[in-house]
C-alpha atoms as a PDB file:
ATOM      1  CA  MET A   1       0.000   0.000   0.000  1.00  0.00           C
ATOM      2  CA  THR A   2       1.316   3.412  -0.932  1.00  0.00           C
ATOM      3  CA  GLN A   3       2.138   5.521   2.116  1.00  0.00           C
ATOM      4  CA  ILE A   4       0.195   8.782   2.224  1.00  0.00           C
ATOM      5  CA  SER A   5       1.778  11.791   3.869  1.00  0.00           C
ATOM      6  CA  VAL A   6       0.126  13.385   6.887  1.00  0.00           C
ATOM      7  CA  GLU A   7      -0.243  16.601   4.896  1.00  0.00           C
ATOM      8  CA  ALA A   8      -2.056  14.769   2.094  1.00  0.00           C
ATOM      9  CA  GLN A   9      -4.336  13.066   4.622  1.00  0.00           C
ATOM     10  CA  LEU A  10      -5.180  16.370   6.284  1.00  0.00           C
ATOM     11  CA  ALA A  11      -5.957  17.901   2.891  1.00  0.00           C
ATOM     12  CA  ALA A  12      -8.210  14.935   2.138  1.00  0.00           C
ATOM     13  CA  LEU A  13      -9.892  15.416   5.523  1.00  0.00           C
ATOM     14  CA  ASP A  14     -10.635  19.054   4.701  1.00  0.00           C
ATOM     15  CA  ARG A  15     -12.141  18.026   1.374  1.00  0.00           C
ATOM     16  CA  ALA A  16     -14.258  15.399   3.137  1.00  0.00           C
ATOM     17  CA  ALA A  17     -15.488  18.026   5.603  1.00  0.00           C
ATOM     18  CA  ASP A  18     -16.672  20.176   2.687  1.00  0.00           C
ATOM     19  CA  LYS A  19     -18.670  17.350   1.124  1.00  0.00           C
ATOM     20  CA  TYR A  20     -22.377  17.098   1.745  1.00  0.00           C
ATOM     21  CA  ILE A  21     -23.683  13.741   2.955  1.00  0.00           C
ATOM     22  CA  PRO A  22     -27.217  13.104   1.651  1.00  0.00           C
ATOM     23  CA  THR A  23     -29.723  11.098   3.682  1.00  0.00           C
ATOM     24  CA  GLU A  24     -33.439  10.332   3.642  1.00  0.00           C
ATOM     25  CA  ARG A  25     -33.913  13.696   5.358  1.00  0.00           C
ATOM     26  CA  ASP A  26     -33.085  15.376   2.041  1.00  0.00           C
ATOM     27  CA  ASP A  27     -35.970  13.556   0.384  1.00  0.00           C
ATOM     28  CA  GLN A  28     -38.317  14.777   3.124  1.00  0.00           C
ATOM     29  CA  PHE A  29     -37.223  18.382   2.610  1.00  0.00           C
ATOM     30  CA  LEU A  30     -37.418  18.127  -1.184  1.00  0.00           C
ATOM     31  CA  LEU A  31     -41.007  16.882  -0.921  1.00  0.00           C
ATOM     32  CA  ARG A  32     -41.972  19.889   1.215  1.00  0.00           C
ATOM     33  CA  LEU A  33     -39.995  22.308  -0.962  1.00  0.00           C
ATOM     34  CA  ASN A  34     -41.769  21.101  -4.084  1.00  0.00           C
ATOM     35  CA  ARG A  35     -45.099  21.696  -2.358  1.00  0.00           C
ATOM     36  CA  LEU A  36     -44.172  25.375  -2.114  1.00  0.00           C
ATOM     37  CA  LEU A  37     -43.823  25.611  -5.902  1.00  0.00           C
ATOM     38  CA  ALA A  38     -46.644  26.192  -8.357  1.00  0.00           C
ATOM     39  CA  ARG A  39     -47.566  23.670 -11.051  1.00  0.00           C
ATOM     40  CA  ASP A  40     -48.389  24.222 -14.694  1.00  0.00           C
ATOM     41  CA  SER A  41     -51.396  22.793 -16.520  1.00  0.00           C
ATOM     42  CA  GLN A  42     -49.499  19.543 -17.037  1.00  0.00           C
ATOM     43  CA  GLY A  43     -48.834  19.135 -13.309  1.00  0.00           C
ATOM     44  CA  LYS A  44     -45.147  19.989 -13.529  1.00  0.00           C
ATOM     45  CA  SER A  45     -43.518  22.235 -10.946  1.00  0.00           C
ATOM     46  CA  ILE A  46     -42.487  25.700 -12.096  1.00  0.00           C
ATOM     47  CA  ALA A  47     -40.248  28.401 -10.606  1.00  0.00           C
ATOM     48  CA  SER A  48     -43.064  30.336  -8.985  1.00  0.00           C
ATOM     49  CA  PRO A  49     -44.571  30.233  -5.489  1.00  0.00           C
ATOM     50  CA  ARG A  50     -47.675  28.136  -5.135  1.00  0.00           C
ATOM     51  CA  LYS A  51     -50.712  30.229  -4.212  1.00  0.00           C
ATOM     52  CA  ASP A  52     -53.680  29.245  -2.094  1.00  0.00           C
ATOM     53  CA  ARG A  53     -56.705  28.973  -4.388  1.00  0.00           C
ATOM     54  CA  GLY A  54     -58.899  30.796  -1.898  1.00  0.00           C
ATOM     55  CA  THR A  55     -56.688  33.625  -0.631  1.00  0.00           C
ATOM     56  CA  GLY A  56     -54.133  33.824  -3.433  1.00  0.00           C
ATOM     57  CA  ASP A  57     -51.351  33.839  -0.819  1.00  0.00           C
ATOM     58  CA  ALA A  58     -48.092  31.888  -1.058  1.00  0.00           C
ATOM     59  CA  GLN A  59     -47.246  29.185   1.474  1.00  0.00           C
ATOM     60  CA  GLY A  60     -44.393  28.834   3.935  1.00  0.00           C
ATOM     61  CA  LEU A  61     -42.408  26.155   5.736  1.00  0.00           C
ATOM     62  CA  PHE A  62     -40.951  25.732   9.218  1.00  0.00           C
ATOM     63  CA  VAL A  63     -37.902  23.415   9.322  1.00  0.00           C
ATOM     64  CA  MET A  64     -37.315  22.461  12.954  1.00  0.00           C
ATOM     65  CA  GLU A  65     -34.649  20.452  14.729  1.00  0.00           C
ATOM     66  CA  ALA A  66     -32.509  20.734  17.852  1.00  0.00           C
ATOM     67  CA  ALA A  67     -29.238  22.636  17.539  1.00  0.00           C
ATOM     68  CA  GLY A  68     -26.484  20.609  15.904  1.00  0.00           C
ATOM     69  CA  GLY A  69     -28.785  18.469  13.803  1.00  0.00           C
ATOM     70  CA  GLY A  70     -27.571  19.754  10.438  1.00  0.00           C
ATOM     71  CA  LYS A  71     -30.843  21.331   9.276  1.00  0.00           C
ATOM     72  CA  THR A  72     -29.195  24.506   7.949  1.00  0.00           C
ATOM     73  CA  SER A  73     -26.808  22.582   5.696  1.00  0.00           C
ATOM     74  CA  LEU A  74     -29.696  20.415   4.534  1.00  0.00           C
ATOM     75  CA  VAL A  75     -31.882  23.367   3.543  1.00  0.00           C
ATOM     76  CA  MET A  76     -28.983  25.197   1.892  1.00  0.00           C
ATOM     77  CA  HIS A  77     -28.084  22.110  -0.133  1.00  0.00           C
ATOM     78  CA  GLY A  78     -31.722  21.600  -1.145  1.00  0.00           C
ATOM     79  CA  LEU A  79     -32.069  25.177  -2.384  1.00  0.00           C
ATOM     80  CA  LYS A  80     -28.692  25.227  -4.146  1.00  0.00           C
ATOM     81  CA  THR A  81     -29.344  22.008  -6.052  1.00  0.00           C
ATOM     82  CA  HIS A  82     -33.036  22.332  -6.923  1.00  0.00           C
ATOM     83  CA  PRO A  83     -33.235  22.472 -10.730  1.00  0.00           C
ATOM     84  CA  LEU A  84     -35.976  25.118 -10.739  1.00  0.00           C
ATOM     85  CA  LEU A  85     -34.176  27.443  -8.340  1.00  0.00           C
ATOM     86  CA  GLN A  86     -30.969  28.006 -10.299  1.00  0.00           C
ATOM     87  CA  SER A  87     -30.023  31.592 -11.115  1.00  0.00           C
ATOM     88  CA  ARG A  88     -30.036  32.525 -14.786  1.00  0.00           C
ATOM     89  CA  GLY A  89     -27.436  35.210 -14.187  1.00  0.00           C
ATOM     90  CA  GLU A  90     -27.111  38.690 -12.749  1.00  0.00           C
ATOM     91  CA  GLY A  91     -30.417  40.209 -11.720  1.00  0.00           C
ATOM     92  CA  HIS A  92     -32.064  36.839 -11.088  1.00  0.00           C
ATOM     93  CA  MET A  93     -32.193  35.418  -7.529  1.00  0.00           C
ATOM     94  CA  PRO A  94     -34.741  32.585  -7.272  1.00  0.00           C
ATOM     95  CA  TRP A  95     -33.940  32.247  -3.563  1.00  0.00           C
ATOM     96  CA  ILE A  96     -32.141  34.142  -0.841  1.00  0.00           C
ATOM     97  CA  MET A  97     -31.063  32.904   2.567  1.00  0.00           C
ATOM     98  CA  LEU A  98     -30.325  34.995   5.624  1.00  0.00           C
ATOM     99  CA  ASP A  99     -27.672  33.273   7.737  1.00  0.00           C
ATOM    100  CA  ALA A 100     -29.453  34.445  10.872  1.00  0.00           C
ATOM    101  CA  ALA A 101     -32.263  36.668  12.016  1.00  0.00           C
ATOM    102  CA  PRO A 102     -31.006  40.208  12.673  1.00  0.00           C
ATOM    103  CA  SER A 103     -30.162  41.221  16.207  1.00  0.00           C
ATOM    104  CA  PRO A 104     -32.084  42.909  17.621  1.00  0.00           C
ATOM    105  CA  ALA A 105     -34.835  41.152  15.693  1.00  0.00           C
ATOM    106  CA  THR A 106     -36.960  44.122  14.710  1.00  0.00           C
ATOM    107  CA  THR A 107     -39.071  44.287  11.577  1.00  0.00           C
ATOM    108  CA  LYS A 108     -37.039  47.233  10.297  1.00  0.00           C
ATOM    109  CA  ALA A 109     -33.753  45.351  10.809  1.00  0.00           C
ATOM    110  CA  LEU A 110     -35.177  42.272   9.066  1.00  0.00           C
ATOM    111  CA  GLY A 111     -36.238  44.336   6.055  1.00  0.00           C
ATOM    112  CA  ILE A 112     -32.778  45.902   5.781  1.00  0.00           C
ATOM    113  CA  ALA A 113     -31.132  42.459   6.108  1.00  0.00           C
ATOM    114  CA  ILE A 114     -33.242  41.091   3.239  1.00  0.00           C
ATOM    115  CA  LEU A 115     -32.368  44.085   1.063  1.00  0.00           C
ATOM    116  CA  ASP A 116     -28.658  43.625   1.881  1.00  0.00           C
ATOM    117  CA  LYS A 117     -28.868  39.962   0.873  1.00  0.00           C
ATOM    118  CA  THR A 118     -30.331  40.907  -2.504  1.00  0.00           C
ATOM    119  CA  GLY A 119     -27.382  43.223  -3.105  1.00  0.00           C
ATOM    120  CA  TYR A 120     -29.260  46.434  -2.343  1.00  0.00           C
ATOM    121  CA  THR A 121     -27.006  47.993   0.298  1.00  0.00           C
ATOM    122  CA  SER A 122     -27.726  51.664  -0.194  1.00  0.00           C
ATOM    123  CA  VAL A 123     -30.913  51.790   1.868  1.00  0.00           C
ATOM    124  CA  SER A 124     -30.886  54.740   4.238  1.00  0.00           C
ATOM    125  CA  ARG A 125     -31.030  53.789   7.908  1.00  0.00           C
ATOM    126  CA  SER A 126     -33.275  56.821   8.338  1.00  0.00           C
ATOM    127  CA  SER A 127     -35.939  55.243   6.111  1.00  0.00           C
ATOM    128  CA  ASN A 128     -39.033  54.270   8.044  1.00  0.00           C
ATOM    129  CA  GLU A 129     -40.295  50.708   8.315  1.00  0.00           C
ATOM    130  CA  GLN A 130     -43.044  51.181   5.753  1.00  0.00           C
ATOM    131  CA  GLU A 131     -40.601  52.482   3.132  1.00  0.00           C
ATOM    132  CA  ILE A 132     -38.144  49.675   3.765  1.00  0.00           C
ATOM    133  CA  TRP A 133     -40.716  46.915   3.329  1.00  0.00           C
ATOM    134  CA  LYS A 134     -42.075  48.557   0.207  1.00  0.00           C
ATOM    135  CA  MET A 135     -38.519  48.367  -1.180  1.00  0.00           C
ATOM    136  CA  VAL A 136     -38.269  44.720  -0.078  1.00  0.00           C
ATOM    137  CA  LYS A 137     -41.360  43.739  -2.055  1.00  0.00           C
ATOM    138  CA  HIS A 138     -40.208  45.708  -5.098  1.00  0.00           C
ATOM    139  CA  ARG A 139     -36.694  44.234  -4.945  1.00  0.00           C
ATOM    140  CA  LEU A 140     -37.864  40.624  -4.600  1.00  0.00           C
ATOM    141  CA  GLY A 141     -40.255  41.071  -7.524  1.00  0.00           C
ATOM    142  CA  LEU A 142     -37.499  42.618  -9.631  1.00  0.00           C
ATOM    143  CA  LEU A 143     -35.225  39.609  -8.971  1.00  0.00           C
ATOM    144  CA  ASN A 144     -37.996  37.039  -9.566  1.00  0.00           C
ATOM    145  CA  THR A 145     -37.380  35.659  -6.094  1.00  0.00           C
ATOM    146  CA  VAL A 146     -39.454  32.587  -5.234  1.00  0.00           C
ATOM    147  CA  ILE A 147     -38.102  31.657  -1.776  1.00  0.00           C
ATOM    148  CA  VAL A 148     -36.937  33.778   1.156  1.00  0.00           C
ATOM    149  CA  CYS A 149     -35.235  31.615   3.767  1.00  0.00           C
ATOM    150  CA  ILE A 150     -34.229  32.799   7.255  1.00  0.00           C
ATOM    151  CA  ASP A 151     -31.909  30.700   9.411  1.00  0.00           C
ATOM    152  CA  GLU A 152     -32.171  30.828  13.211  1.00  0.00           C
ATOM    153  CA  GLY A 153     -35.790  31.812  12.639  1.00  0.00           C
ATOM    154  CA  HIS A 154     -36.620  31.253  16.308  1.00  0.00           C
ATOM    155  CA  ASP A 155     -34.582  34.382  17.054  1.00  0.00           C
ATOM    156  CA  LEU A 156     -37.354  36.397  15.457  1.00  0.00           C
ATOM    157  CA  LEU A 157     -38.975  35.855  18.844  1.00  0.00           C
ATOM    158  CA  GLY A 158     -35.928  36.941  20.794  1.00  0.00           C
ATOM    159  CA  THR A 159     -36.840  39.181  23.722  1.00  0.00           C
ATOM    160  CA  ALA A 160     -39.310  41.166  21.673  1.00  0.00           C
ATOM    161  CA  SER A 161     -42.599  42.345  23.080  1.00  0.00           C
ATOM    162  CA  ALA A 162     -45.880  40.749  22.046  1.00  0.00           C
ATOM    163  CA  PHE A 163     -46.485  43.823  19.871  1.00  0.00           C
ATOM    164  CA  GLU A 164     -43.174  43.420  18.029  1.00  0.00           C
ATOM    165  CA  ILE A 165     -43.760  39.691  17.510  1.00  0.00           C
ATOM    166  CA  ARG A 166     -47.183  40.386  16.010  1.00  0.00           C
ATOM    167  CA  ASN A 167     -45.625  43.054  13.822  1.00  0.00           C
ATOM    168  CA  MET A 168     -43.004  40.524  12.661  1.00  0.00           C
ATOM    169  CA  GLN A 169     -45.771  38.059  11.860  1.00  0.00           C
ATOM    170  CA  LYS A 170     -47.550  40.733   9.852  1.00  0.00           C
ATOM    171  CA  ARG A 171     -44.415  41.483   7.807  1.00  0.00           C
ATOM    172  CA  LEU A 172     -43.732  37.825   7.084  1.00  0.00           C
ATOM    173  CA  LYS A 173     -47.347  37.365   6.085  1.00  0.00           C
ATOM    174  CA  ASN A 174     -47.087  40.384   3.784  1.00  0.00           C
ATOM    175  CA  LEU A 175     -44.131  38.765   1.993  1.00  0.00           C
ATOM    176  CA  MET A 176     -46.451  35.900   1.034  1.00  0.00           C
ATOM    177  CA  GLN A 177     -49.290  38.112  -0.153  1.00  0.00           C
ATOM    178  CA  GLY A 178     -50.185  40.061  -3.268  1.00  0.00           C
ATOM    179  CA  GLU A 179     -48.112  40.773  -6.343  1.00  0.00           C
ATOM    180  CA  GLY A 180     -44.511  39.631  -5.988  1.00  0.00           C
ATOM    181  CA  ALA A 181     -45.431  37.189  -3.203  1.00  0.00           C
ATOM    182  CA  VAL A 182     -42.722  34.731  -2.145  1.00  0.00           C
ATOM    183  CA  SER A 183     -42.665  31.585  -0.048  1.00  0.00           C
ATOM    184  CA  VAL A 184     -40.955  31.950   3.335  1.00  0.00           C
ATOM    185  CA  ILE A 185     -38.864  29.198   4.935  1.00  0.00           C
ATOM    186  CA  LEU A 186     -37.898  29.608   8.577  1.00  0.00           C
ATOM    187  CA  ILE A 187     -35.213  27.319  10.012  1.00  0.00           C
ATOM    188  CA  GLY A 188     -34.910  26.942  13.745  1.00  0.00           C
ATOM    189  CA  ILE A 189     -35.199  24.947  16.924  1.00  0.00           C
ATOM    190  CA  ASP A 190     -38.547  23.810  18.306  1.00  0.00           C
ATOM    191  CA  GLU A 191     -39.173  27.273  19.781  1.00  0.00           C
ATOM    192  CA  LEU A 192     -40.142  28.194  16.250  1.00  0.00           C
ATOM    193  CA  ARG A 193     -43.562  26.655  16.862  1.00  0.00           C
ATOM    194  CA  HIS A 194     -44.358  29.500  19.253  1.00  0.00           C
ATOM    195  CA  LEU A 195     -43.862  32.019  16.454  1.00  0.00           C
ATOM    196  CA  ALA A 196     -46.970  30.677  14.744  1.00  0.00           C
ATOM    197  CA  ALA A 197     -48.990  30.620  17.949  1.00  0.00           C
ATOM    198  CA  TYR A 198     -49.514  34.369  17.785  1.00  0.00           C
ATOM    199  CA  ASP A 199     -51.586  34.100  14.605  1.00  0.00           C
ATOM    200  CA  ASP A 200     -53.782  31.182  13.527  1.00  0.00           C
ATOM    201  CA  GLN A 201     -53.642  32.310   9.907  1.00  0.00           C
ATOM    202  CA  ILE A 202     -49.841  32.188   9.969  1.00  0.00           C
ATOM    203  CA  ASN A 203     -49.951  28.773  11.613  1.00  0.00           C
ATOM    204  CA  ARG A 204     -52.146  27.425   8.814  1.00  0.00           C
ATOM    205  CA  ARG A 205     -50.015  29.053   6.137  1.00  0.00           C
ATOM    206  CA  TYR A 206     -46.821  27.243   7.165  1.00  0.00           C
ATOM    207  CA  GLN A 207     -46.100  23.574   6.659  1.00  0.00           C
ATOM    208  CA  LYS A 208     -44.063  21.995   9.481  1.00  0.00           C
ATOM    209  CA  LEU A 209     -41.073  19.707   8.984  1.00  0.00           C
ATOM    210  CA  SER A 210     -39.408  18.282  12.092  1.00  0.00           C
ATOM    211  CA  PHE A 211     -36.442  15.921  12.089  1.00  0.00           C
ATOM    212  CA  VAL A 212     -36.106  13.203  14.702  1.00  0.00           C
ATOM    213  CA  ASP A 213     -32.878  12.515  16.585  1.00  0.00           C
ATOM    214  CA  ILE A 214     -30.567   9.867  15.207  1.00  0.00           C
ATOM    215  CA  SER A 215     -30.692   6.402  16.753  1.00  0.00           C
ATOM    216  CA  PRO A 216     -27.783   3.926  17.024  1.00  0.00           C
ATOM    217  CA  VAL A 217     -30.254   1.124  16.320  1.00  0.00           C
ATOM    218  CA  ARG A 218     -32.530   2.540  13.628  1.00  0.00           C
ATOM    219  CA  ASP A 219     -29.722   4.406  11.849  1.00  0.00           C
ATOM    220  CA  GLU A 220     -26.904   1.929  12.481  1.00  0.00           C
ATOM    221  CA  ARG A 221     -26.306   1.138   8.817  1.00  0.00           C
ATOM    222  CA  LEU A 222     -26.259   4.816   7.805  1.00  0.00           C
ATOM    223  CA  LEU A 223     -23.955   5.877  10.647  1.00  0.00           C
ATOM    224  CA  LYS A 224     -21.506   3.030  10.167  1.00  0.00           C
ATOM    225  CA  GLY A 225     -21.472   3.787   6.466  1.00  0.00           C
ATOM    226  CA  ILE A 226     -20.565   7.420   7.201  1.00  0.00           C
ATOM    227  CA  LEU A 227     -17.745   6.345   9.520  1.00  0.00           C
ATOM    228  CA  HIS A 228     -16.313   3.984   6.897  1.00  0.00           C
ATOM    229  CA  THR A 229     -16.654   6.555   4.108  1.00  0.00           C
ATOM    230  CA  LEU A 230     -14.909   9.326   6.039  1.00  0.00           C
ATOM    231  CA  CYS A 231     -12.120   6.985   7.089  1.00  0.00           C
ATOM    232  CA  ALA A 232     -11.640   5.842   3.496  1.00  0.00           C
ATOM    233  CA  GLU A 233     -11.441   9.477   2.349  1.00  0.00           C
ATOM    234  CA  VAL A 234      -8.298  10.019   4.448  1.00  0.00           C
ATOM    235  CA  GLY A 235      -6.772   6.558   4.017  1.00  0.00           C
ATOM    236  CA  ILE A 236      -7.378   5.280   7.549  1.00  0.00           C
ATOM    237  CA  ALA A 237      -9.017   2.006   8.574  1.00  0.00           C
ATOM    238  CA  ALA A 238     -12.455   2.319  10.152  1.00  0.00           C
ATOM    239  CA  PRO A 239     -12.876   1.618  13.878  1.00  0.00           C
ATOM    240  CA  LYS A 240     -13.706  -1.903  15.054  1.00  0.00           C
ATOM    241  CA  GLU A 241     -14.958  -1.280  18.601  1.00  0.00           C
ATOM    242  CA  PRO A 242     -18.509  -2.717  18.685  1.00  0.00           C
ATOM    243  CA  ASP A 243     -19.987  -0.039  20.935  1.00  0.00           C
ATOM    244  CA  LEU A 244     -18.374   2.997  19.288  1.00  0.00           C
ATOM    245  CA  VAL A 245     -21.420   4.058  17.251  1.00  0.00           C
ATOM    246  CA  GLU A 246     -23.624   3.951  20.351  1.00  0.00           C
ATOM    247  CA  ARG A 247     -21.135   6.005  22.341  1.00  0.00           C
ATOM    248  CA  LEU A 248     -20.710   8.474  19.478  1.00  0.00           C
ATOM    249  CA  VAL A 249     -24.459   8.955  19.072  1.00  0.00           C
ATOM    250  CA  HIS A 250     -24.778   9.641  22.802  1.00  0.00           C
ATOM    251  CA  ALA A 251     -21.794  12.019  22.770  1.00  0.00           C
ATOM    252  CA  SER A 252     -23.376  13.853  19.830  1.00  0.00           C
ATOM    253  CA  ARG A 253     -26.610  14.364  21.781  1.00  0.00           C
ATOM    254  CA  ARG A 254     -28.227  12.160  19.128  1.00  0.00           C
ATOM    255  CA  ARG A 255     -27.794  14.910  16.544  1.00  0.00           C
ATOM    256  CA  PHE A 256     -26.700  14.159  13.020  1.00  0.00           C
ATOM    257  CA  GLY A 257     -24.573  17.253  12.413  1.00  0.00           C
ATOM    258  CA  TRP A 258     -22.628  16.782  15.637  1.00  0.00           C
ATOM    259  CA  PHE A 259     -22.074  13.099  14.789  1.00  0.00           C
ATOM    260  CA  ILE A 260     -20.275  14.200  11.614  1.00  0.00           C
ATOM    261  CA  LYS A 261     -18.247  16.931  13.346  1.00  0.00           C
ATOM    262  CA  ASN A 262     -17.177  14.660  16.207  1.00  0.00           C
ATOM    263  CA  THR A 263     -16.003  12.074  13.694  1.00  0.00           C
ATOM    264  CA  LEU A 264     -14.038  14.618  11.662  1.00  0.00           C
ATOM    265  CA  ARG A 265     -12.263  15.943  14.764  1.00  0.00           C
ATOM    266  CA  ALA A 266     -11.349  12.434  15.928  1.00  0.00           C
ATOM    267  CA  LEU A 267     -10.027  11.680  12.450  1.00  0.00           C
ATOM    268  CA  GLU A 268      -7.828  14.764  12.586  1.00  0.00           C
ATOM    269  CA  ILE A 269      -6.319  13.556  15.870  1.00  0.00           C
ATOM    270  CA  ALA A 270      -5.679  10.102  14.400  1.00  0.00           C
ATOM    271  CA  VAL A 271      -4.060  11.516  11.251  1.00  0.00           C
ATOM    272  CA  GLU A 272      -1.795  13.887  13.169  1.00  0.00           C
ATOM    273  CA  ALA A 273      -0.704  10.996  15.381  1.00  0.00           C
ATOM    274  CA  GLY A 274       0.216   8.942  12.315  1.00  0.00           C
ATOM    275  CA  GLU A 275      -2.284   6.195  13.160  1.00  0.00           C
ATOM    276  CA  SER A 276      -3.445   3.645  10.627  1.00  0.00           C
ATOM    277  CA  ARG A 277      -6.866   3.103  12.217  1.00  0.00           C
ATOM    278  CA  LEU A 278      -9.466   5.369  13.806  1.00  0.00           C
ATOM    279  CA  GLU A 279     -10.134   4.185  17.360  1.00  0.00           C
ATOM    280  CA  LYS A 280     -12.209   5.010  20.411  1.00  0.00           C
ATOM    281  CA  ALA A 281      -9.148   6.613  22.029  1.00  0.00           C
ATOM    282  CA  HIS A 282      -9.116   9.355  19.382  1.00  0.00           C
ATOM    283  CA  PHE A 283     -12.729  10.233  20.142  1.00  0.00           C
ATOM    284  CA  ALA A 284     -11.923  10.206  23.871  1.00  0.00           C
ATOM    285  CA  GLU A 285      -9.047  12.630  23.348  1.00  0.00           C
ATOM    286  CA  ASP A 286     -11.225  15.009  21.351  1.00  0.00           C
ATOM    287  CA  TRP A 287     -14.053  14.721  23.901  1.00  0.00           C
ATOM    288  CA  ALA A 288     -11.683  15.670  26.731  1.00  0.00           C
ATOM    289  CA  VAL A 289     -10.727  18.825  24.836  1.00  0.00           C
ATOM    290  CA  GLN A 290     -14.200  19.801  23.635  1.00  0.00           C
ATOM    291  CA  GLU A 291     -16.148  19.025  26.788  1.00  0.00           C
ATOM    292  CA  ASP A 292     -13.448  19.605  29.390  1.00  0.00           C
ATOM    293  CA  ALA A 293     -14.701  16.427  31.053  1.00  0.00           C
ATOM    294  CA  GLU A 294     -12.893  14.292  33.622  1.00  0.00           C
ATOM    295  CA  VAL A 295     -12.192  10.646  32.794  1.00  0.00           C
ATOM    296  CA  GLY A 296     -15.229   9.356  34.686  1.00  0.00           C
ATOM    297  CA  LYS A 297     -17.498  11.587  32.588  1.00  0.00           C
ATOM    298  CA  ASN A 298     -15.834  10.915  29.246  1.00  0.00           C
ATOM    299  CA  VAL A 299     -18.394   9.111  27.088  1.00  0.00           C
ATOM    300  CA  PHE A 300     -15.635   7.247  25.246  1.00  0.00           C
ATOM    301  CA  LEU A 301     -13.827   6.019  28.401  1.00  0.00           C
ATOM    302  CA  SER A 302     -16.454   5.425  31.074  1.00  0.00           C
ATOM    303  CA  ASN A 303     -18.039   1.993  31.486  1.00  0.00           C
ATOM    304  CA  ALA A 304     -21.245   3.764  32.531  1.00  0.00           C
ATOM    305  CA  TRP A 305     -21.167   6.079  29.515  1.00  0.00           C
ATOM    306  CA  SER A 306     -24.890   5.762  28.763  1.00  0.00           C
ATOM    307  CA  LYS A 307     -25.724   7.225  32.192  1.00  0.00           C
ATOM    308  CA  ILE A 308     -23.688  10.385  31.648  1.00  0.00           C
ATOM    309  CA  ASP A 309     -26.175  13.265  31.497  1.00  0.00           C
ATOM    310  CA  LEU A 310     -25.503  15.418  28.439  1.00  0.00           C
ATOM    311  CA  SER A 311     -28.653  17.479  28.588  1.00  0.00           C
ATOM    312  CA  GLU A 312     -28.114  21.151  27.968  1.00  0.00           C
ATOM    313  CA  LYS A 313     -27.566  23.132  31.130  1.00  0.00           C
ATOM    314  CA  PRO A 314     -29.805  26.157  31.710  1.00  0.00           C
ATOM    315  CA  LEU A 315     -28.215  29.580  31.502  1.00  0.00           C
ATOM    316  CA  PRO A 316     -27.272  31.105  34.864  1.00  0.00           C
ATOM    317  CA  PRO A 317     -29.874  33.507  36.291  1.00  0.00           C
ATOM    318  CA  ARG A 318     -29.449  37.101  35.247  1.00  0.00           C
ATOM    319  CA  ASP A 319     -28.259  39.646  37.753  1.00  0.00           C
ATOM    320  CA  LYS A 320     -31.304  41.643  38.810  1.00  0.00           C
ATOM    321  CA  LYS A 321     -29.214  44.800  38.662  1.00  0.00           C
ATOM    322  CA  GLY A 322     -28.708  44.219  34.966  1.00  0.00           C
ATOM    323  CA  ARG A 323     -32.398  44.000  34.154  1.00  0.00           C
END
């Protein structure tokens, strides 16, 4: 076997990290995405938002999953690869995606963020909210935009007042109404459900897509396949420990995205050490660094690993003086 240099292996690892790993979750998202698109007289999807036959309004979609699940990458990949949502050149943006809701999450800030994403950066900060959203609608129509996607959509709730939340709902609803209407996709954690609770019409307008946590039993074949594929990418033998996948799923809080990241970091440790096989010890070393955990609480070292509580800790109480 030809010996591969550490540098070449690390380069291969970086390339592997940039690759997208498709799963059945992609098919679920594609099904929902296609339901947002209109159909022609032959029943074929077209690059236009689907309108409700009664109200004439476009539809939306909530994509929900716990942090670290990989939902953002999934949605981005689905939009980038959909054949009907490819740009035909300058001045044509079938979809735009905000990496995060603006902070603070005000309706004015959201409108400016959407305009910035479309390349319109000369909006005056002194413009009032009404003017800004009028420009948003005009700009999206000009670019033939079909989808507006907002990541971290749950942050649209933030610490806003009930009035501001209702105002945000109104603006999002307006994006899906009238001439130049677009479909809105909000990506976020389960808190996103509360965003719809303020308005029954909004709740009915949005489809809901939730992803379940990964399981070492149900998803064993998929997860082992990912481990073997990533190892093969960098020229290292896959691990043999029978309980590694179970430990790794637990360490990843049962989240798909974290499963991938934990594996990539362990691979980097193995490559830098000149190892020929990825082993549990490499995951344990990474875990010690990432989690700052003592040996007895290291998921990859402890015999009672399944009893280690990895639930997210609540934030410390705020100082009353700072309120």
